[in-house]
């Protein structure tokens, strides 16, 4: 789920990260060009470039001049680990507190319906 209160480049980064984690892009795959992704998302190309740059800074993508931007080897694993850590540090604590407050049991959580 995309948080609308975040800056646009972070929301774009979340869209790309979700696509990588969902298997739309695997290690070594070519990502859409900045212009193509900007057009698809209705965003400014400079904002998309900033989102892509953040992936490059994190070592999740590599640039091949004149060819494009590619998902780096090991990026899926590294991104999944980072997202899991973020989930357990920021998302899970309030969810766990709400579960406890409402008296929800493990049996109440039918994860097959999710």
N, C-alpha and C. Protein backbone atom coordinates (compact mmCIF):
# COMPACT_ATOMS: atom_id res chain seq x y z
N UNK A 1 0.85 -1.18 0.00
CA UNK A 1 0.00 0.00 0.00
C UNK A 1 0.89 1.24 0.00
N UNK A 2 0.59 2.17 -0.90
CA UNK A 2 1.37 3.38 -1.06
C UNK A 2 0.84 4.46 -0.11
N UNK A 3 1.76 5.07 0.66
CA UNK A 3 1.41 6.12 1.61
C UNK A 3 1.40 7.46 0.88
N UNK A 4 0.21 8.03 0.69
CA UNK A 4 0.03 9.27 -0.07
C UNK A 4 0.66 10.48 0.62
N UNK A 5 1.00 10.37 1.91
CA UNK A 5 1.59 11.50 2.61
C UNK A 5 3.09 11.62 2.36
N UNK A 6 3.69 10.61 1.76
CA UNK A 6 5.12 10.62 1.49
C UNK A 6 5.42 11.45 0.24
N UNK A 7 6.67 11.96 0.13
CA UNK A 7 7.06 12.66 -1.09
C UNK A 7 6.90 11.75 -2.31
N UNK A 8 6.65 12.36 -3.46
CA UNK A 8 6.36 11.61 -4.69
C UNK A 8 7.49 10.64 -5.03
N UNK A 9 8.75 11.07 -4.91
CA UNK A 9 9.85 10.17 -5.28
C UNK A 9 9.88 8.93 -4.41
N UNK A 10 9.48 9.05 -3.14
CA UNK A 10 9.43 7.87 -2.27
C UNK A 10 8.26 6.97 -2.65
N UNK A 11 7.15 7.56 -3.06
CA UNK A 11 6.02 6.75 -3.52
C UNK A 11 6.38 6.00 -4.80
N UNK A 12 7.11 6.66 -5.69
CA UNK A 12 7.56 6.00 -6.92
C UNK A 12 8.53 4.87 -6.58
N UNK A 13 9.40 5.14 -5.62
CA UNK A 13 10.35 4.11 -5.19
C UNK A 13 9.59 2.89 -4.65
N UNK A 14 8.51 3.12 -3.89
CA UNK A 14 7.72 2.02 -3.36
C UNK A 14 7.06 1.21 -4.48
N UNK A 15 6.63 1.88 -5.53
CA UNK A 15 6.01 1.19 -6.67
C UNK A 15 7.04 0.29 -7.34
N UNK A 16 8.23 0.82 -7.55
CA UNK A 16 9.31 0.04 -8.18
C UNK A 16 9.71 -1.12 -7.27
N UNK A 17 9.88 -0.84 -5.98
CA UNK A 17 10.26 -1.88 -5.02
C UNK A 17 9.23 -3.00 -5.00
N UNK A 18 7.95 -2.65 -5.01
CA UNK A 18 6.89 -3.66 -5.02
C UNK A 18 6.97 -4.50 -6.28
N UNK A 19 7.24 -3.87 -7.42
CA UNK A 19 7.35 -4.61 -8.68
C UNK A 19 8.52 -5.59 -8.63
N UNK A 20 9.61 -5.17 -8.01
CA UNK A 20 10.78 -6.06 -7.88
C UNK A 20 10.44 -7.21 -6.94
N UNK A 21 9.84 -6.90 -5.81
CA UNK A 21 9.51 -7.95 -4.83
C UNK A 21 8.43 -8.89 -5.35
N UNK A 22 7.55 -8.39 -6.20
CA UNK A 22 6.48 -9.22 -6.78
C UNK A 22 6.96 -10.05 -7.96
N UNK A 23 8.23 -9.87 -8.34
CA UNK A 23 8.79 -10.67 -9.43
C UNK A 23 8.58 -10.10 -10.82
N UNK A 24 8.04 -8.89 -10.93
CA UNK A 24 7.89 -8.28 -12.25
C UNK A 24 9.27 -7.98 -12.85
N UNK A 25 10.22 -7.65 -11.98
CA UNK A 25 11.60 -7.42 -12.38
C UNK A 25 12.48 -8.28 -11.50
N UNK A 26 13.33 -9.06 -12.14
CA UNK A 26 14.25 -9.94 -11.41
C UNK A 26 15.66 -9.41 -11.55
N UNK A 27 16.57 -9.97 -10.78
CA UNK A 27 17.97 -9.59 -10.90
C UNK A 27 18.40 -9.64 -12.36
N UNK A 28 18.99 -8.55 -12.84
CA UNK A 28 19.48 -8.48 -14.21
C UNK A 28 18.48 -7.92 -15.20
N UNK A 29 17.23 -7.75 -14.79
CA UNK A 29 16.21 -7.22 -15.71
C UNK A 29 16.36 -5.72 -15.92
N UNK A 30 16.01 -5.31 -17.11
CA UNK A 30 15.99 -3.89 -17.46
C UNK A 30 14.74 -3.24 -16.87
N UNK A 31 14.95 -2.11 -16.18
CA UNK A 31 13.82 -1.33 -15.66
C UNK A 31 13.32 -0.40 -16.76
N UNK A 32 12.08 0.08 -16.65
CA UNK A 32 11.59 1.05 -17.63
C UNK A 32 12.47 2.30 -17.61
N UNK A 33 12.59 2.95 -18.74
CA UNK A 33 13.37 4.19 -18.78
C UNK A 33 12.70 5.22 -17.88
N UNK A 34 13.47 6.23 -17.51
CA UNK A 34 12.94 7.31 -16.68
C UNK A 34 11.73 7.93 -17.36
N UNK A 35 11.85 8.22 -18.64
CA UNK A 35 10.75 8.85 -19.36
C UNK A 35 9.52 7.95 -19.44
N UNK A 36 9.75 6.67 -19.72
CA UNK A 36 8.62 5.74 -19.84
C UNK A 36 7.91 5.58 -18.50
N UNK A 37 8.67 5.43 -17.42
CA UNK A 37 8.06 5.26 -16.11
C UNK A 37 7.34 6.55 -15.69
N UNK A 38 7.95 7.71 -16.00
CA UNK A 38 7.31 8.99 -15.68
C UNK A 38 5.97 9.11 -16.40
N UNK A 39 5.95 8.75 -17.67
CA UNK A 39 4.70 8.82 -18.44
C UNK A 39 3.67 7.86 -17.87
N UNK A 40 4.10 6.66 -17.53
CA UNK A 40 3.19 5.64 -16.98
C UNK A 40 2.57 6.11 -15.66
N UNK A 41 3.37 6.77 -14.83
CA UNK A 41 2.91 7.19 -13.50
C UNK A 41 2.36 8.61 -13.46
N UNK A 42 2.49 9.34 -14.57
CA UNK A 42 2.05 10.73 -14.59
C UNK A 42 2.92 11.60 -13.70
N UNK A 43 4.21 11.30 -13.68
CA UNK A 43 5.15 12.00 -12.80
C UNK A 43 6.17 12.77 -13.62
N UNK A 44 6.84 13.68 -12.97
CA UNK A 44 7.92 14.44 -13.59
C UNK A 44 9.13 13.52 -13.77
N UNK A 45 9.76 13.51 -14.93
CA UNK A 45 10.95 12.67 -15.13
C UNK A 45 12.07 12.92 -14.12
N UNK A 46 12.22 14.16 -13.66
CA UNK A 46 13.25 14.45 -12.65
C UNK A 46 12.94 13.76 -11.33
N UNK A 47 11.67 13.64 -11.01
CA UNK A 47 11.25 12.95 -9.78
C UNK A 47 11.52 11.45 -9.91
N UNK A 48 11.23 10.90 -11.07
CA UNK A 48 11.52 9.49 -11.32
C UNK A 48 13.02 9.25 -11.26
N UNK A 49 13.81 10.16 -11.84
CA UNK A 49 15.26 10.04 -11.81
C UNK A 49 15.76 10.03 -10.36
N UNK A 50 15.14 10.82 -9.50
CA UNK A 50 15.53 10.85 -8.08
C UNK A 50 15.22 9.50 -7.42
N UNK A 51 14.07 8.92 -7.73
CA UNK A 51 13.71 7.61 -7.17
C UNK A 51 14.70 6.55 -7.66
N UNK A 52 15.01 6.56 -8.95
CA UNK A 52 15.97 5.61 -9.50
C UNK A 52 17.35 5.81 -8.89
N UNK A 53 17.74 7.07 -8.68
CA UNK A 53 19.04 7.36 -8.09
C UNK A 53 19.14 6.78 -6.69
N UNK A 54 18.04 6.80 -5.95
CA UNK A 54 18.06 6.24 -4.59
C UNK A 54 18.31 4.73 -4.64
N UNK A 55 17.76 4.06 -5.65
CA UNK A 55 18.04 2.63 -5.83
C UNK A 55 19.50 2.40 -6.20
N UNK A 56 20.02 3.28 -7.04
CA UNK A 56 21.42 3.17 -7.44
C UNK A 56 22.32 3.40 -6.21
N UNK A 57 22.01 4.40 -5.40
CA UNK A 57 22.78 4.69 -4.19
C UNK A 57 22.79 3.50 -3.23
N UNK A 58 21.68 2.75 -3.20
CA UNK A 58 21.55 1.58 -2.32
C UNK A 58 22.13 0.31 -2.95
N UNK A 59 22.66 0.42 -4.16
CA UNK A 59 23.24 -0.74 -4.84
C UNK A 59 22.21 -1.73 -5.36
N UNK A 60 20.98 -1.27 -5.55
CA UNK A 60 19.92 -2.15 -6.01
C UNK A 60 19.76 -2.16 -7.53
N UNK A 61 20.28 -1.13 -8.17
CA UNK A 61 20.27 -1.07 -9.64
C UNK A 61 21.65 -0.64 -10.13
N UNK A 62 21.93 -1.01 -11.36
CA UNK A 62 23.16 -0.58 -12.00
C UNK A 62 22.80 0.10 -13.32
N UNK A 63 23.61 1.07 -13.69
CA UNK A 63 23.37 1.82 -14.92
C UNK A 63 24.38 1.38 -15.96
N UNK A 64 23.89 1.10 -17.14
CA UNK A 64 24.74 0.83 -18.29
C UNK A 64 24.49 1.98 -19.26
N UNK A 65 25.47 2.87 -19.34
CA UNK A 65 25.32 4.07 -20.17
C UNK A 65 24.86 3.73 -21.58
N UNK A 66 23.84 4.45 -22.00
CA UNK A 66 23.33 4.26 -23.34
C UNK A 66 22.41 3.05 -23.50
N UNK A 67 22.31 2.25 -22.45
CA UNK A 67 21.47 1.04 -22.52
C UNK A 67 20.29 1.18 -21.57
N UNK A 68 20.55 1.48 -20.30
CA UNK A 68 19.48 1.63 -19.33
C UNK A 68 19.89 1.24 -17.93
N UNK A 69 18.88 1.11 -17.09
CA UNK A 69 19.08 0.78 -15.69
C UNK A 69 18.58 -0.64 -15.46
N UNK A 70 19.40 -1.44 -14.78
CA UNK A 70 19.12 -2.85 -14.56
C UNK A 70 19.07 -3.17 -13.07
N UNK A 71 18.23 -4.13 -12.71
CA UNK A 71 18.18 -4.61 -11.33
C UNK A 71 19.51 -5.33 -11.07
N UNK A 72 20.20 -4.91 -10.03
CA UNK A 72 21.51 -5.47 -9.70
C UNK A 72 21.39 -6.91 -9.20
N UNK A 73 22.44 -7.69 -9.40
CA UNK A 73 22.46 -9.05 -8.86
C UNK A 73 22.35 -8.98 -7.35
N UNK A 74 21.46 -9.77 -6.79
CA UNK A 74 21.25 -9.80 -5.34
C UNK A 74 20.30 -8.72 -4.84
N UNK A 75 19.78 -7.89 -5.74
CA UNK A 75 18.92 -6.79 -5.32
C UNK A 75 17.61 -7.28 -4.71
N UNK A 76 17.04 -8.34 -5.27
CA UNK A 76 15.77 -8.84 -4.75
C UNK A 76 15.94 -9.29 -3.30
N UNK A 77 16.99 -10.04 -3.03
CA UNK A 77 17.26 -10.50 -1.67
C UNK A 77 17.51 -9.32 -0.74
N UNK A 78 18.34 -8.38 -1.18
CA UNK A 78 18.70 -7.22 -0.36
C UNK A 78 17.46 -6.35 -0.09
N UNK A 79 16.64 -6.15 -1.10
CA UNK A 79 15.44 -5.33 -0.94
C UNK A 79 14.44 -6.02 -0.02
N UNK A 80 14.26 -7.33 -0.18
CA UNK A 80 13.34 -8.09 0.67
C UNK A 80 13.79 -7.99 2.14
N UNK A 81 15.07 -8.13 2.36
CA UNK A 81 15.61 -8.03 3.73
C UNK A 81 15.36 -6.64 4.32
N UNK A 82 15.62 -5.61 3.54
CA UNK A 82 15.41 -4.24 4.01
C UNK A 82 13.93 -3.98 4.30
N UNK A 83 13.06 -4.46 3.43
CA UNK A 83 11.62 -4.26 3.63
C UNK A 83 11.10 -5.05 4.83
N UNK A 84 11.63 -6.25 5.03
CA UNK A 84 11.25 -7.04 6.22
C UNK A 84 11.67 -6.29 7.48
N UNK A 85 12.88 -5.77 7.50
CA UNK A 85 13.37 -5.02 8.67
C UNK A 85 12.49 -3.79 8.93
N UNK A 86 12.17 -3.06 7.86
CA UNK A 86 11.32 -1.88 8.00
C UNK A 86 9.94 -2.28 8.54
N UNK A 87 9.40 -3.38 8.03
CA UNK A 87 8.10 -3.87 8.49
C UNK A 87 8.13 -4.15 9.99
N UNK A 88 9.13 -4.90 10.45
CA UNK A 88 9.18 -5.28 11.86
C UNK A 88 9.52 -4.10 12.77
N UNK A 89 10.20 -3.10 12.24
CA UNK A 89 10.57 -1.94 13.05
C UNK A 89 9.48 -0.87 13.10
N UNK A 90 8.75 -0.68 11.98
CA UNK A 90 7.82 0.44 11.93
C UNK A 90 6.36 0.05 11.73
N UNK A 91 6.09 -0.99 11.00
CA UNK A 91 4.70 -1.36 10.69
C UNK A 91 4.13 -2.29 11.76
N UNK A 92 4.87 -3.32 12.12
CA UNK A 92 4.35 -4.35 13.01
C UNK A 92 4.04 -3.87 14.42
N UNK A 93 4.87 -3.07 15.08
CA UNK A 93 4.56 -2.71 16.48
C UNK A 93 3.16 -2.13 16.69
N UNK A 94 2.69 -1.16 15.89
CA UNK A 94 1.32 -0.69 16.13
C UNK A 94 0.25 -1.74 15.78
N UNK A 95 0.53 -2.58 14.78
CA UNK A 95 -0.41 -3.64 14.44
C UNK A 95 -0.50 -4.64 15.59
N UNK A 96 0.64 -5.04 16.12
CA UNK A 96 0.67 -5.98 17.25
C UNK A 96 -0.05 -5.39 18.45
N UNK A 97 0.14 -4.11 18.70
CA UNK A 97 -0.53 -3.46 19.82
C UNK A 97 -2.05 -3.46 19.61
N UNK A 98 -2.48 -3.21 18.39
CA UNK A 98 -3.93 -3.21 18.08
C UNK A 98 -4.50 -4.61 18.22
N UNK A 99 -3.77 -5.61 17.77
CA UNK A 99 -4.21 -7.01 17.91
C UNK A 99 -4.40 -7.35 19.39
N UNK A 100 -3.44 -6.96 20.19
CA UNK A 100 -3.53 -7.24 21.63
C UNK A 100 -4.70 -6.46 22.24
N UNK A 101 -4.84 -5.21 21.88
CA UNK A 101 -5.91 -4.37 22.43
C UNK A 101 -7.30 -4.94 22.11
N UNK A 102 -7.44 -5.54 20.92
CA UNK A 102 -8.72 -6.07 20.49
C UNK A 102 -8.93 -7.53 20.88
N UNK A 103 -7.91 -8.14 21.45
CA UNK A 103 -8.03 -9.53 21.88
C UNK A 103 -8.11 -10.50 20.71
N UNK A 104 -7.44 -10.19 19.63
CA UNK A 104 -7.44 -11.06 18.46
C UNK A 104 -6.44 -12.19 18.67
N UNK A 105 -6.88 -13.41 18.40
CA UNK A 105 -6.00 -14.57 18.57
C UNK A 105 -5.41 -14.98 17.23
N UNK A 106 -4.44 -15.85 17.28
CA UNK A 106 -3.83 -16.38 16.06
C UNK A 106 -4.89 -17.09 15.23
N UNK A 107 -5.81 -17.78 15.89
CA UNK A 107 -6.87 -18.48 15.18
C UNK A 107 -7.80 -17.51 14.45
N UNK A 108 -7.95 -16.30 15.01
CA UNK A 108 -8.80 -15.28 14.36
C UNK A 108 -8.18 -14.78 13.06
N UNK A 109 -6.88 -14.89 12.97
CA UNK A 109 -6.17 -14.40 11.79
C UNK A 109 -6.10 -15.49 10.74
N UNK A 110 -7.05 -15.47 9.85
CA UNK A 110 -7.06 -16.44 8.75
C UNK A 110 -6.27 -15.83 7.61
N UNK A 111 -4.97 -16.11 7.58
CA UNK A 111 -4.08 -15.52 6.59
C UNK A 111 -4.38 -15.99 5.19
N UNK A 112 -5.18 -17.04 5.05
CA UNK A 112 -5.55 -17.50 3.71
C UNK A 112 -6.47 -16.51 3.02
N UNK A 113 -7.17 -15.69 3.79
CA UNK A 113 -8.10 -14.71 3.21
C UNK A 113 -7.39 -13.45 2.76
N UNK A 114 -6.15 -13.27 3.19
CA UNK A 114 -5.41 -12.05 2.86
C UNK A 114 -4.98 -12.06 1.43
